Amino acid sequence: MAEPSEKIRWHEVRVFGTNGTVYPLKIEHIISIMLSRQFILCIVTYATVLAIVQSEIYLVQVSLHFRLIYTVANSFLALLIWSIILCLIAGFLAMINCRVPIPMIMLHLATVSIQIPLNQFVMGNLLGPPFRPDASAMPGEILEYTVVLTVFELLVVVFLLPRLNWVSRLLADVEAPGSPEPVILTAAARHFPVDQIHYLKSVEHYVEIVTHDGAELVRATLRDLIEQLSDYDGIQPHRSYWVPYKAVVLPERENGNVVLRLINGATIPVSRKRRNAVRDWLHRR
């Protein structure tokens, strides 16, 4: 296997947080954060507080339930616009092979600069009077909601991210000085850095090795590959799967069954007889 290229890829991005910390994440990591229950709860809670505090929408008194729908919808719209802008900027930086972190405040300003005119179009042109926003007030509204989005991001960085264990482990691994050489898994004359593996899956006489870059099917037995990984922090939650600790976001229930949600969005089944071992493994730190 060739040495990894120094050229960054479109899904690799470093963001400069409002708290002054640079987070070296991949797009898939950020998506995992956004899809986490904790993050969604943060959005709904924050939108609810805004709906209660703001008694008007464009100087029009409206009911609380209308304001709540409006603020929740706007929050998820902002999240969608923010994500698209992030992907576009990250892709551009990868194209020119630039590793400069993206300032979060710039993302917030760009997001609000798109969202506010869109809101004014919807409220003014689709709903009509009395929702007729004053275009001259748009710069002030953009500034106001940029501050709101920045405060929300700061709260997420300070209070939410430390609660996501896989994020803390990721940052610790990146920031640790003098990191050892990556552990390599060898299968069918191919070599896979273990720190890039999301999971292994047994498929009859083959094993599917899923990494950051995709999936490869190699002729091997899961038992033999797990033996190579005996010194690596991972577990077999099901007889057909092996997952590394750092790839797990959180355990979930899916159709009544326990599964492990991974950083790439995949779910791995946990067999009934291994639930206790997996639970202890996840919560030992």
Protein backbone atom coordinates (compact mmCIF):
# COMPACT_ATOMS: atom_id res chain seq x y z
CA MET A 1 0.00 0.00 0.00
CA ALA A 2 1.40 3.36 -0.97
CA GLU A 3 2.29 5.94 1.64
CA PRO A 4 -0.65 8.21 2.40
CA SER A 5 -0.69 11.38 0.31
CA GLU A 6 -0.04 14.74 1.91
CA LYS A 7 -2.82 16.21 -0.22
CA ILE A 8 -5.90 16.87 1.86
CA ARG A 9 -9.26 15.56 0.68
CA TRP A 10 -12.52 17.44 0.32
CA HIS A 11 -14.06 15.88 3.44
CA GLU A 12 -11.16 16.90 5.66
CA VAL A 13 -11.59 20.27 7.33
CA ARG A 14 -10.20 22.19 10.28
CA VAL A 15 -12.54 24.69 11.92
CA PHE A 16 -11.44 27.54 14.18
CA GLY A 17 -13.94 27.62 17.02
CA THR A 18 -15.24 30.75 18.72
CA ASN A 19 -13.50 29.60 21.91
CA GLY A 20 -10.14 29.79 20.11
CA THR A 21 -9.72 26.03 19.61
CA VAL A 22 -8.98 24.47 16.22
CA TYR A 23 -10.95 21.27 15.64
CA PRO A 24 -9.41 18.94 13.04
CA LEU A 25 -12.54 17.11 11.94
CA LYS A 26 -13.86 15.43 8.85
CA ILE A 27 -17.19 16.32 7.32
CA GLU A 28 -18.52 12.93 8.45
CA HIS A 29 -17.55 13.78 12.05
CA ILE A 30 -19.42 17.07 11.89
CA ILE A 31 -22.46 15.32 10.40
CA SER A 32 -22.32 12.79 13.26
CA ILE A 33 -22.36 15.66 15.76
CA MET A 34 -25.31 17.28 13.99
CA LEU A 35 -27.27 14.01 13.94
CA SER A 36 -26.60 13.23 17.59
CA ARG A 37 -29.56 13.35 19.94
CA GLN A 38 -27.73 15.79 22.18
CA PHE A 39 -27.20 18.27 19.33
CA ILE A 40 -30.80 18.06 18.11
CA LEU A 41 -31.97 18.58 21.69
CA CYS A 42 -29.72 21.67 21.87
CA ILE A 43 -31.26 23.10 18.70
CA VAL A 44 -34.85 22.51 19.83
CA THR A 45 -34.14 23.92 23.31
CA TYR A 46 -32.38 26.99 21.94
CA ALA A 47 -35.16 27.63 19.39
CA THR A 48 -37.77 27.29 22.13
CA VAL A 49 -35.98 29.89 24.28
CA LEU A 50 -35.81 32.27 21.31
CA ALA A 51 -39.52 31.73 20.61
CA ILE A 52 -40.38 32.60 24.21
CA VAL A 53 -38.10 35.65 24.37
CA GLN A 54 -39.11 37.09 20.98
CA SER A 55 -42.78 38.05 21.11
CA GLU A 56 -42.79 39.42 17.55
CA ILE A 57 -41.80 38.33 14.07
CA TYR A 58 -41.00 41.30 11.86
CA LEU A 59 -42.84 43.61 14.29
CA VAL A 60 -45.98 41.47 14.15
CA GLN A 61 -47.38 39.94 17.33
CA VAL A 62 -47.94 36.22 16.77
CA SER A 63 -48.85 33.28 18.98
CA LEU A 64 -46.22 31.24 20.82
CA HIS A 65 -46.83 28.08 18.80
CA PHE A 66 -46.35 30.04 15.53
CA ARG A 67 -43.10 31.53 16.87
CA LEU A 68 -41.96 28.10 17.99
CA ILE A 69 -42.56 26.57 14.55
CA TYR A 70 -40.84 29.55 12.94
CA THR A 71 -37.71 29.43 15.15
CA VAL A 72 -37.33 25.63 14.99
CA ALA A 73 -37.72 25.65 11.19
CA ASN A 74 -35.24 28.52 10.92
CA SER A 75 -32.76 26.72 13.16
CA PHE A 76 -32.74 23.62 10.95
CA LEU A 77 -32.62 25.78 7.81
CA ALA A 78 -29.57 27.56 9.23
CA LEU A 79 -27.99 24.18 9.96
CA LEU A 80 -28.58 23.05 6.37
CA ILE A 81 -27.17 26.25 4.85
CA TRP A 82 -24.20 26.15 7.27
CA SER A 83 -23.42 22.56 6.28
CA ILE A 84 -23.55 23.28 2.55
CA ILE A 85 -21.27 26.31 2.91
CA LEU A 86 -18.85 24.27 5.04
CA CYS A 87 -18.66 21.51 2.41
CA LEU A 88 -18.09 24.02 -0.39
CA ILE A 89 -15.33 25.84 1.50
CA ALA A 90 -13.71 22.58 2.60
CA GLY A 91 -13.78 21.31 -1.00
CA PHE A 92 -12.17 24.51 -2.25
CA LEU A 93 -9.43 24.37 0.41
CA ALA A 94 -8.77 20.74 -0.51
CA MET A 95 -8.57 21.65 -4.20
CA ILE A 96 -5.84 24.21 -3.51
CA ASN A 97 -4.37 21.96 -0.77
CA CYS A 98 -4.67 24.66 1.90
CA ARG A 99 -4.75 23.66 5.57
CA VAL A 100 -5.83 27.02 6.99
CA PRO A 101 -8.63 26.52 9.56
CA ILE A 102 -12.06 27.88 8.63
CA PRO A 103 -13.16 30.53 11.19
CA MET A 104 -16.56 29.57 12.54
CA ILE A 105 -17.62 33.24 12.72
CA MET A 106 -17.14 33.46 8.95
CA LEU A 107 -19.41 30.45 8.46
CA HIS A 108 -22.04 31.99 10.71
CA LEU A 109 -21.96 35.32 8.85
CA ALA A 110 -22.22 33.59 5.46
CA THR A 111 -25.10 31.42 6.68
CA VAL A 112 -27.12 34.33 8.07
CA SER A 113 -26.41 36.45 4.97
CA ILE A 114 -28.20 33.80 2.91
CA GLN A 115 -30.89 32.92 5.42
CA ILE A 116 -32.17 36.44 6.24
CA PRO A 117 -32.99 37.40 2.62
CA LEU A 118 -34.61 33.99 2.20
CA ASN A 119 -36.72 34.60 5.30
CA GLN A 120 -37.75 38.02 4.07
CA PHE A 121 -38.77 36.60 0.71
CA VAL A 122 -40.88 33.88 2.31
CA MET A 123 -42.50 36.09 4.94
CA GLY A 124 -43.01 39.10 2.69
CA ASN A 125 -43.92 37.55 -0.65
CA LEU A 126 -45.60 34.30 0.29
CA LEU A 127 -47.41 35.29 3.49
CA GLY A 128 -47.88 38.91 2.47
CA PRO A 129 -49.10 41.68 4.81
CA PRO A 130 -48.67 42.23 7.68
CA PHE A 131 -45.36 40.36 7.32
CA ARG A 132 -43.62 42.94 5.16
CA PRO A 133 -39.98 43.11 6.33
CA ASP A 134 -38.09 46.37 6.00
CA ALA A 135 -35.17 45.70 3.64
CA SER A 136 -33.23 48.60 5.14
CA ALA A 137 -33.11 46.75 8.46
CA MET A 138 -31.48 43.69 6.85
CA PRO A 139 -27.83 44.53 7.78
CA GLY A 140 -28.79 44.93 11.44
CA GLU A 141 -30.75 41.68 11.37
CA ILE A 142 -27.82 39.84 9.77
CA LEU A 143 -25.50 41.15 12.49
CA GLU A 144 -27.97 40.24 15.23
CA TYR A 145 -28.45 36.67 14.08
CA THR A 146 -24.74 36.20 13.43
CA VAL A 147 -24.23 36.95 17.11
CA VAL A 148 -27.07 34.54 18.02
CA LEU A 149 -25.53 31.77 15.89
CA THR A 150 -22.09 32.46 17.39
CA VAL A 151 -23.47 32.19 20.92
CA PHE A 152 -25.16 28.90 20.04
CA GLU A 153 -21.93 27.54 18.54
CA LEU A 154 -19.98 28.59 21.64
CA LEU A 155 -22.47 26.80 23.88
CA VAL A 156 -22.17 23.67 21.74
CA VAL A 157 -18.36 23.76 21.87
CA VAL A 158 -18.20 24.40 25.60
CA PHE A 159 -21.03 22.21 26.87
CA LEU A 160 -21.94 19.65 24.19
CA LEU A 161 -18.71 18.48 22.56
CA PRO A 162 -17.06 17.45 25.86
CA ARG A 163 -20.03 15.12 26.41
CA LEU A 164 -19.38 13.32 23.11
CA ASN A 165 -16.63 10.91 24.11
CA TRP A 166 -15.53 10.12 20.57
CA VAL A 167 -14.87 13.83 19.91
CA SER A 168 -12.68 14.09 23.01
CA ARG A 169 -10.77 10.97 21.98
CA LEU A 170 -10.31 12.30 18.45
CA LEU A 171 -8.90 15.61 19.68
CA ALA A 172 -6.65 13.86 22.18
CA ASP A 173 -5.25 11.60 19.46
CA VAL A 174 -4.56 14.55 17.14
CA GLU A 175 -3.02 16.78 19.77
CA ALA A 176 -0.88 14.13 21.46
CA PRO A 177 2.81 14.92 20.81
CA GLY A 178 5.05 12.24 19.43
CA SER A 179 2.22 9.95 18.33
CA PRO A 180 3.41 6.40 17.54
CA GLU A 181 3.43 5.00 14.03
CA PRO A 182 -0.04 3.86 12.93
CA VAL A 183 -0.94 0.21 13.51
CA ILE A 184 -1.32 -1.62 10.19
CA LEU A 185 -3.77 -4.44 9.52
CA THR A 186 -2.59 -6.86 6.82
CA ALA A 187 -5.17 -8.83 4.84
CA ALA A 188 -4.75 -10.59 1.47
CA ALA A 189 -1.48 -8.73 0.80
CA ARG A 190 -3.19 -5.39 1.43
CA HIS A 191 -2.44 -3.01 4.27
CA PHE A 192 -4.93 -0.88 6.20
CA PRO A 193 -4.04 1.71 8.88
CA VAL A 194 -6.13 0.63 11.85
CA ASP A 195 -6.84 4.21 12.92
CA GLN A 196 -8.77 4.65 9.64
CA ILE A 197 -10.96 1.58 10.11
CA HIS A 198 -14.63 2.07 10.98
CA TYR A 199 -15.47 -1.63 11.30
CA LEU A 200 -14.85 -5.15 10.01
CA LYS A 201 -17.69 -7.38 8.83
CA SER A 202 -17.53 -11.10 8.12
CA VAL A 203 -19.14 -12.05 4.79
CA GLU A 204 -18.92 -15.83 4.30
CA HIS A 205 -15.26 -16.51 3.36
CA TYR A 206 -14.44 -12.82 3.12
CA VAL A 207 -14.16 -9.82 5.42
CA GLU A 208 -15.41 -6.36 4.48
CA ILE A 209 -13.01 -3.72 5.77
CA VAL A 210 -14.72 -0.33 5.99
CA THR A 211 -12.40 2.70 6.34
CA HIS A 212 -12.55 6.48 5.89
CA ASP A 213 -12.05 5.95 2.15
CA GLY A 214 -14.69 3.28 1.54
CA ALA A 215 -15.01 -0.50 1.80
CA GLU A 216 -12.87 -3.35 0.52
CA LEU A 217 -13.70 -7.04 0.48
CA VAL A 218 -10.69 -9.29 1.21
CA ARG A 219 -10.42 -13.05 1.43
CA ALA A 220 -9.72 -13.69 5.11
CA THR A 221 -11.40 -14.77 8.31
CA LEU A 222 -12.59 -12.30 10.89
CA ARG A 223 -10.89 -14.34 13.62
CA ASP A 224 -7.47 -14.01 11.97
CA LEU A 225 -7.84 -10.25 11.53
CA ILE A 226 -9.01 -9.78 15.12
CA GLU A 227 -5.91 -11.64 16.30
CA GLN A 228 -3.79 -8.99 14.57
CA LEU A 229 -5.79 -6.37 16.46
CA SER A 230 -5.43 -7.94 19.90
CA ASP A 231 -3.41 -4.94 21.18
CA TYR A 232 -5.78 -2.40 19.64
CA ASP A 233 -8.77 -0.95 21.48
CA GLY A 234 -11.74 -2.65 19.84
CA ILE A 235 -14.48 -5.17 20.46
CA GLN A 236 -16.63 -7.76 18.73
CA PRO A 237 -20.22 -6.62 19.49
CA HIS A 238 -21.56 -9.39 17.25
CA ARG A 239 -19.90 -12.53 15.96
CA SER A 240 -19.80 -11.04 12.44
CA TYR A 241 -18.41 -7.61 13.37
CA TRP A 242 -15.42 -5.89 14.98
CA VAL A 243 -15.34 -2.16 15.77
CA PRO A 244 -12.62 0.12 17.19
CA TYR A 245 -13.43 2.19 20.25
CA LYS A 246 -12.70 5.52 18.55
CA ALA A 247 -15.21 4.83 15.73
CA VAL A 248 -18.20 4.51 18.08
CA VAL A 249 -20.40 7.55 18.63
CA LEU A 250 -22.98 6.06 21.00
CA PRO A 251 -25.22 3.03 21.55
CA GLU A 252 -28.80 3.30 20.32
CA ARG A 253 -31.96 1.24 20.05
CA GLU A 254 -33.22 0.37 16.60
CA ASN A 255 -36.43 -1.63 16.24
CA GLY A 256 -36.02 -2.80 19.81
CA ASN A 257 -32.44 -3.98 19.29
CA VAL A 258 -29.23 -2.41 20.63
CA VAL A 259 -26.89 -1.08 17.95
CA LEU A 260 -23.70 0.98 17.90
CA ARG A 261 -23.83 4.23 15.94
CA LEU A 262 -20.47 4.90 14.27
CA ILE A 263 -18.86 8.15 13.15
CA ASN A 264 -19.61 7.34 9.49
CA GLY A 265 -23.34 6.95 10.28
CA ALA A 266 -23.37 3.15 10.08
CA THR A 267 -25.07 1.06 12.75
CA ILE A 268 -23.54 -2.17 14.03
CA PRO A 269 -25.74 -4.79 15.75
CA VAL A 270 -24.99 -5.85 19.30
CA SER A 271 -25.91 -9.44 20.06
CA ARG A 272 -27.95 -10.06 23.17
CA LYS A 273 -25.28 -12.13 24.92
CA ARG A 274 -22.61 -9.43 24.34
CA ARG A 275 -24.62 -6.41 25.50
CA ASN A 276 -23.11 -6.31 28.99
CA ALA A 277 -19.56 -6.63 27.69
CA VAL A 278 -20.15 -3.86 25.13
CA ARG A 279 -21.75 -1.61 27.77
CA ASP A 280 -18.78 -2.07 30.13
CA TRP A 281 -16.37 -1.50 27.26
CA LEU A 282 -18.03 1.79 26.30
CA HIS A 283 -18.32 3.17 29.84
CA ARG A 284 -15.03 2.05 31.36
CA ARG A 285 -13.53 5.59 31.04
